[in-house]
Protein backbone atom coordinates (compact mmCIF):
# COMPACT_ATOMS: atom_id res chain seq x y z
CA UNK A 1 0.00 0.00 0.00
CA UNK A 2 2.11 2.87 -1.33
CA UNK A 3 1.07 6.16 0.27
CA UNK A 4 4.28 8.07 1.09
CA UNK A 5 7.41 8.98 -0.88
CA UNK A 6 9.56 7.68 2.00
CA UNK A 7 8.44 4.14 1.09
CA UNK A 8 10.38 4.46 -2.18
CA UNK A 9 13.73 5.45 -0.66
CA UNK A 10 16.73 3.18 -1.26
CA UNK A 11 15.62 1.60 -4.53
CA UNK A 12 17.73 1.64 -7.71
CA UNK A 13 14.70 1.29 -10.00
CA UNK A 14 10.95 1.10 -9.55
CA UNK A 15 8.20 -0.82 -11.34
CA UNK A 16 4.70 0.43 -10.61
CA UNK A 17 1.66 -1.53 -11.79
CA UNK A 18 -1.32 -0.20 -9.86
CA UNK A 19 -4.74 1.20 -10.67
CA UNK A 20 -4.57 4.40 -8.60
CA UNK A 21 -3.05 7.80 -9.43
CA UNK A 22 -1.49 8.56 -6.00
CA UNK A 23 1.08 5.72 -6.03
CA UNK A 24 1.82 6.45 -9.69
CA UNK A 25 2.51 10.10 -8.92
CA UNK A 26 4.73 9.18 -5.97
CA UNK A 27 6.80 6.96 -8.27
CA UNK A 28 6.88 9.62 -11.00
CA UNK A 29 8.38 12.11 -8.53
CA UNK A 30 11.41 9.94 -7.70
CA UNK A 31 14.92 10.48 -9.03
CA UNK A 32 15.55 6.86 -10.05
CA UNK A 33 14.59 5.03 -13.25
CA UNK A 34 10.97 3.91 -13.14
CA UNK A 35 8.38 2.28 -15.37
CA UNK A 36 4.62 2.65 -14.99
CA UNK A 37 2.70 -0.34 -16.40
CA UNK A 38 -1.04 -0.11 -17.01
CA UNK A 39 -3.58 -2.32 -18.73
CA UNK A 40 -7.26 -2.44 -19.52
CA UNK A 41 -8.80 -5.26 -21.49
CA UNK A 42 -6.53 -6.34 -24.31
CA UNK A 43 -4.48 -3.14 -24.29
CA UNK A 44 -1.66 -1.67 -22.27
CA UNK A 45 0.04 1.66 -21.65
CA UNK A 46 3.63 2.16 -20.51
CA UNK A 47 5.30 5.34 -19.27
CA UNK A 48 8.90 5.70 -18.06
CA UNK A 49 11.13 8.26 -16.39
CA UNK A 50 12.37 9.20 -19.89
CA UNK A 51 9.00 10.56 -21.02
CA UNK A 52 8.07 14.22 -21.20
CA UNK A 53 6.62 15.45 -17.89
CA UNK A 54 3.62 16.81 -19.81
CA UNK A 55 2.81 13.35 -21.21
CA UNK A 56 3.20 11.74 -17.79
CA UNK A 57 0.92 14.31 -16.17
CA UNK A 58 -1.66 14.09 -18.98
CA UNK A 59 -1.75 10.29 -18.72
CA UNK A 60 -2.14 10.35 -14.92
CA UNK A 61 -5.46 12.09 -14.19
CA UNK A 62 -7.47 11.57 -11.03
CA UNK A 63 -9.76 8.55 -11.37
CA UNK A 64 -11.34 5.78 -9.35
CA UNK A 65 -9.57 2.40 -9.12
CA UNK A 66 -10.41 0.12 -12.04
CA UNK A 67 -9.90 -3.50 -13.07
CA UNK A 68 -7.45 -4.53 -15.77
CA UNK A 69 -10.35 -6.43 -17.33
CA UNK A 70 -12.89 -4.57 -19.46
CA UNK A 71 -16.37 -4.37 -17.99
CA UNK A 72 -18.44 -7.53 -18.45
CA UNK A 73 -15.60 -9.67 -19.80
CA UNK A 74 -15.14 -11.91 -16.76
CA UNK A 75 -18.90 -12.38 -16.39
CA UNK A 76 -18.99 -13.54 -20.01
CA UNK A 77 -16.34 -16.17 -19.25
CA UNK A 78 -13.37 -14.49 -20.93
CA UNK A 79 -10.06 -13.03 -19.81
CA UNK A 80 -8.29 -10.33 -21.78
CA UNK A 81 -4.48 -10.26 -21.84
CA UNK A 82 -3.42 -6.61 -21.81
CA UNK A 83 -1.85 -7.29 -18.40
CA UNK A 84 0.43 -9.91 -19.99
CA UNK A 85 1.63 -7.41 -22.62
CA UNK A 86 2.42 -4.89 -19.86
CA UNK A 87 4.20 -7.55 -17.78
CA UNK A 88 6.39 -8.59 -20.73
CA UNK A 89 7.41 -4.99 -21.47
CA UNK A 90 8.11 -4.41 -17.78
CA UNK A 91 10.23 -7.55 -17.49
CA UNK A 92 12.33 -6.55 -20.50
CA UNK A 93 12.75 -3.04 -19.08
CA UNK A 94 14.05 -4.46 -15.77
CA UNK A 95 16.49 -6.74 -17.64
CA UNK A 96 17.73 -3.79 -19.72
CA UNK A 97 18.20 -1.68 -16.60
CA UNK A 98 20.07 -4.41 -14.68
CA UNK A 99 22.22 -5.73 -17.54
CA UNK A 100 22.85 -2.53 -19.53
CA UNK A 101 22.20 0.17 -16.92
CA UNK A 102 19.61 1.76 -19.18
CA UNK A 103 16.56 1.07 -21.29
CA UNK A 104 15.43 2.94 -24.38
CA UNK A 105 11.78 2.26 -23.52
CA UNK A 106 9.52 5.29 -23.52
CA UNK A 107 5.78 5.84 -23.66
CA UNK A 108 3.96 3.20 -25.65
CA UNK A 109 0.46 1.88 -26.11
CA UNK A 110 -0.31 -1.52 -27.54
CA UNK A 111 -3.38 -3.59 -28.26
CA UNK A 112 -3.19 -7.40 -28.34
CA UNK A 113 -5.22 -7.45 -31.57
CA UNK A 114 -4.00 -4.31 -33.35
CA UNK A 115 -0.39 -3.90 -32.19
CA UNK A 116 1.17 -0.50 -31.48
CA UNK A 117 -1.08 2.53 -31.08
CA UNK A 118 -0.26 6.24 -31.38
CA UNK A 119 -0.63 8.71 -28.53
CA UNK A 120 -1.26 11.56 -30.93
CA UNK A 121 -0.22 15.12 -30.10
CA UNK A 122 -0.29 16.41 -26.54
CA UNK A 123 -3.04 18.95 -26.02
CA UNK A 124 -1.86 22.53 -25.64
CA UNK A 125 -2.14 23.82 -22.08
CA UNK A 126 -2.70 27.53 -21.55
CA UNK A 127 -1.72 28.65 -18.07
C-alpha atoms as a PDB file:
ATOM      1  CA  UNK A   1       0.000   0.000   0.000  1.00  0.00           C
ATOM      2  CA  UNK A   2       2.108   2.871  -1.328  1.00  0.00           C
ATOM      3  CA  UNK A   3       1.068   6.163   0.267  1.00  0.00           C
ATOM      4  CA  UNK A   4       4.280   8.074   1.086  1.00  0.00           C
ATOM      5  CA  UNK A   5       7.406   8.975  -0.884  1.00  0.00           C
ATOM      6  CA  UNK A   6       9.562   7.675   1.995  1.00  0.00           C
ATOM      7  CA  UNK A   7       8.443   4.136   1.093  1.00  0.00           C
ATOM      8  CA  UNK A   8      10.380   4.458  -2.176  1.00  0.00           C
ATOM      9  CA  UNK A   9      13.732   5.448  -0.655  1.00  0.00           C
ATOM     10  CA  UNK A  10      16.729   3.183  -1.262  1.00  0.00           C
ATOM     11  CA  UNK A  11      15.616   1.602  -4.528  1.00  0.00           C
ATOM     12  CA  UNK A  12      17.729   1.636  -7.706  1.00  0.00           C
ATOM     13  CA  UNK A  13      14.703   1.291 -10.002  1.00  0.00           C
ATOM     14  CA  UNK A  14      10.953   1.100  -9.551  1.00  0.00           C
ATOM     15  CA  UNK A  15       8.200  -0.816 -11.342  1.00  0.00           C
ATOM     16  CA  UNK A  16       4.696   0.431 -10.608  1.00  0.00           C
ATOM     17  CA  UNK A  17       1.658  -1.531 -11.794  1.00  0.00           C
ATOM     18  CA  UNK A  18      -1.320  -0.198  -9.865  1.00  0.00           C
ATOM     19  CA  UNK A  19      -4.743   1.199 -10.672  1.00  0.00           C
ATOM     20  CA  UNK A  20      -4.565   4.399  -8.598  1.00  0.00           C
ATOM     21  CA  UNK A  21      -3.050   7.803  -9.434  1.00  0.00           C
ATOM     22  CA  UNK A  22      -1.494   8.555  -5.995  1.00  0.00           C
ATOM     23  CA  UNK A  23       1.080   5.717  -6.031  1.00  0.00           C
ATOM     24  CA  UNK A  24       1.818   6.448  -9.689  1.00  0.00           C
ATOM     25  CA  UNK A  25       2.515  10.105  -8.923  1.00  0.00           C
ATOM     26  CA  UNK A  26       4.733   9.179  -5.971  1.00  0.00           C
ATOM     27  CA  UNK A  27       6.803   6.963  -8.266  1.00  0.00           C
ATOM     28  CA  UNK A  28       6.885   9.618 -11.003  1.00  0.00           C
ATOM     29  CA  UNK A  29       8.378  12.108  -8.530  1.00  0.00           C
ATOM     30  CA  UNK A  30      11.413   9.938  -7.696  1.00  0.00           C
ATOM     31  CA  UNK A  31      14.925  10.478  -9.032  1.00  0.00           C
ATOM     32  CA  UNK A  32      15.550   6.856 -10.049  1.00  0.00           C
ATOM     33  CA  UNK A  33      14.590   5.032 -13.253  1.00  0.00           C
ATOM     34  CA  UNK A  34      10.965   3.907 -13.138  1.00  0.00           C
ATOM     35  CA  UNK A  35       8.382   2.281 -15.373  1.00  0.00           C
ATOM     36  CA  UNK A  36       4.617   2.651 -14.986  1.00  0.00           C
ATOM     37  CA  UNK A  37       2.703  -0.335 -16.400  1.00  0.00           C
ATOM     38  CA  UNK A  38      -1.042  -0.110 -17.008  1.00  0.00           C
ATOM     39  CA  UNK A  39      -3.577  -2.318 -18.726  1.00  0.00           C
ATOM     40  CA  UNK A  40      -7.257  -2.440 -19.523  1.00  0.00           C
ATOM     41  CA  UNK A  41      -8.796  -5.259 -21.492  1.00  0.00           C
ATOM     42  CA  UNK A  42      -6.531  -6.337 -24.315  1.00  0.00           C
ATOM     43  CA  UNK A  43      -4.479  -3.141 -24.287  1.00  0.00           C
ATOM     44  CA  UNK A  44      -1.658  -1.667 -22.267  1.00  0.00           C
ATOM     45  CA  UNK A  45       0.041   1.659 -21.651  1.00  0.00           C
ATOM     46  CA  UNK A  46       3.631   2.157 -20.514  1.00  0.00           C
ATOM     47  CA  UNK A  47       5.298   5.338 -19.267  1.00  0.00           C
ATOM     48  CA  UNK A  48       8.897   5.704 -18.065  1.00  0.00           C
ATOM     49  CA  UNK A  49      11.126   8.261 -16.392  1.00  0.00           C
ATOM     50  CA  UNK A  50      12.367   9.202 -19.895  1.00  0.00           C
ATOM     51  CA  UNK A  51       8.995  10.557 -21.020  1.00  0.00           C
ATOM     52  CA  UNK A  52       8.069  14.219 -21.198  1.00  0.00           C
ATOM     53  CA  UNK A  53       6.622  15.445 -17.886  1.00  0.00           C
ATOM     54  CA  UNK A  54       3.617  16.813 -19.813  1.00  0.00           C
ATOM     55  CA  UNK A  55       2.813  13.352 -21.210  1.00  0.00           C
ATOM     56  CA  UNK A  56       3.205  11.737 -17.791  1.00  0.00           C
ATOM     57  CA  UNK A  57       0.924  14.310 -16.170  1.00  0.00           C
ATOM     58  CA  UNK A  58      -1.658  14.089 -18.976  1.00  0.00           C
ATOM     59  CA  UNK A  59      -1.752  10.286 -18.723  1.00  0.00           C
ATOM     60  CA  UNK A  60      -2.139  10.352 -14.917  1.00  0.00           C
ATOM     61  CA  UNK A  61      -5.463  12.092 -14.194  1.00  0.00           C
ATOM     62  CA  UNK A  62      -7.468  11.575 -11.028  1.00  0.00           C
ATOM     63  CA  UNK A  63      -9.756   8.551 -11.372  1.00  0.00           C
ATOM     64  CA  UNK A  64     -11.340   5.782  -9.353  1.00  0.00           C
ATOM     65  CA  UNK A  65      -9.565   2.403  -9.122  1.00  0.00           C
ATOM     66  CA  UNK A  66     -10.410   0.122 -12.040  1.00  0.00           C
ATOM     67  CA  UNK A  67      -9.900  -3.495 -13.074  1.00  0.00           C
ATOM     68  CA  UNK A  68      -7.449  -4.526 -15.767  1.00  0.00           C
ATOM     69  CA  UNK A  69     -10.346  -6.430 -17.335  1.00  0.00           C
ATOM     70  CA  UNK A  70     -12.895  -4.574 -19.455  1.00  0.00           C
ATOM     71  CA  UNK A  71     -16.374  -4.366 -17.986  1.00  0.00           C
ATOM     72  CA  UNK A  72     -18.439  -7.533 -18.451  1.00  0.00           C
ATOM     73  CA  UNK A  73     -15.595  -9.665 -19.804  1.00  0.00           C
ATOM     74  CA  UNK A  74     -15.141 -11.906 -16.761  1.00  0.00           C
ATOM     75  CA  UNK A  75     -18.897 -12.380 -16.387  1.00  0.00           C
ATOM     76  CA  UNK A  76     -18.986 -13.543 -20.014  1.00  0.00           C
ATOM     77  CA  UNK A  77     -16.336 -16.172 -19.247  1.00  0.00           C
ATOM     78  CA  UNK A  78     -13.374 -14.485 -20.925  1.00  0.00           C
ATOM     79  CA  UNK A  79     -10.058 -13.034 -19.808  1.00  0.00           C
ATOM     80  CA  UNK A  80      -8.289 -10.331 -21.782  1.00  0.00           C
ATOM     81  CA  UNK A  81      -4.476 -10.260 -21.842  1.00  0.00           C
ATOM     82  CA  UNK A  82      -3.422  -6.609 -21.805  1.00  0.00           C
ATOM     83  CA  UNK A  83      -1.853  -7.291 -18.402  1.00  0.00           C
ATOM     84  CA  UNK A  84       0.434  -9.907 -19.986  1.00  0.00           C
ATOM     85  CA  UNK A  85       1.634  -7.411 -22.615  1.00  0.00           C
ATOM     86  CA  UNK A  86       2.418  -4.891 -19.864  1.00  0.00           C
ATOM     87  CA  UNK A  87       4.199  -7.546 -17.784  1.00  0.00           C
ATOM     88  CA  UNK A  88       6.391  -8.595 -20.726  1.00  0.00           C
ATOM     89  CA  UNK A  89       7.405  -4.989 -21.470  1.00  0.00           C
ATOM     90  CA  UNK A  90       8.109  -4.408 -17.776  1.00  0.00           C
ATOM     91  CA  UNK A  91      10.232  -7.551 -17.488  1.00  0.00           C
ATOM     92  CA  UNK A  92      12.334  -6.550 -20.503  1.00  0.00           C
ATOM     93  CA  UNK A  93      12.747  -3.036 -19.076  1.00  0.00           C
ATOM     94  CA  UNK A  94      14.052  -4.463 -15.774  1.00  0.00           C
ATOM     95  CA  UNK A  95      16.495  -6.744 -17.638  1.00  0.00           C
ATOM     96  CA  UNK A  96      17.735  -3.794 -19.724  1.00  0.00           C
ATOM     97  CA  UNK A  97      18.201  -1.684 -16.597  1.00  0.00           C
ATOM     98  CA  UNK A  98      20.074  -4.413 -14.680  1.00  0.00           C
ATOM     99  CA  UNK A  99      22.222  -5.728 -17.545  1.00  0.00           C
ATOM    100  CA  UNK A 100      22.854  -2.531 -19.525  1.00  0.00           C
ATOM    101  CA  UNK A 101      22.203   0.175 -16.919  1.00  0.00           C
ATOM    102  CA  UNK A 102      19.611   1.762 -19.182  1.00  0.00           C
ATOM    103  CA  UNK A 103      16.563   1.072 -21.289  1.00  0.00           C
ATOM    104  CA  UNK A 104      15.433   2.935 -24.380  1.00  0.00           C
ATOM    105  CA  UNK A 105      11.781   2.256 -23.522  1.00  0.00           C
ATOM    106  CA  UNK A 106       9.522   5.292 -23.517  1.00  0.00           C
ATOM    107  CA  UNK A 107       5.776   5.844 -23.656  1.00  0.00           C
ATOM    108  CA  UNK A 108       3.960   3.202 -25.655  1.00  0.00           C
ATOM    109  CA  UNK A 109       0.457   1.878 -26.113  1.00  0.00           C
ATOM    110  CA  UNK A 110      -0.313  -1.515 -27.535  1.00  0.00           C
ATOM    111  CA  UNK A 111      -3.380  -3.591 -28.258  1.00  0.00           C
ATOM    112  CA  UNK A 112      -3.188  -7.402 -28.343  1.00  0.00           C
ATOM    113  CA  UNK A 113      -5.218  -7.455 -31.568  1.00  0.00           C
ATOM    114  CA  UNK A 114      -4.002  -4.313 -33.352  1.00  0.00           C
ATOM    115  CA  UNK A 115      -0.392  -3.895 -32.190  1.00  0.00           C
ATOM    116  CA  UNK A 116       1.166  -0.496 -31.481  1.00  0.00           C
ATOM    117  CA  UNK A 117      -1.082   2.528 -31.078  1.00  0.00           C
ATOM    118  CA  UNK A 118      -0.260   6.245 -31.380  1.00  0.00           C
ATOM    119  CA  UNK A 119      -0.627   8.715 -28.530  1.00  0.00           C
ATOM    120  CA  UNK A 120      -1.256  11.561 -30.934  1.00  0.00           C
ATOM    121  CA  UNK A 121      -0.216  15.122 -30.099  1.00  0.00           C
ATOM    122  CA  UNK A 122      -0.288  16.407 -26.543  1.00  0.00           C
ATOM    123  CA  UNK A 123      -3.043  18.952 -26.020  1.00  0.00           C
ATOM    124  CA  UNK A 124      -1.858  22.525 -25.641  1.00  0.00           C
ATOM    125  CA  UNK A 125      -2.141  23.824 -22.083  1.00  0.00           C
ATOM    126  CA  UNK A 126      -2.700  27.534 -21.547  1.00  0.00           C
ATOM    127  CA  UNK A 127      -1.720  28.651 -18.069  1.00  0.00           C
END
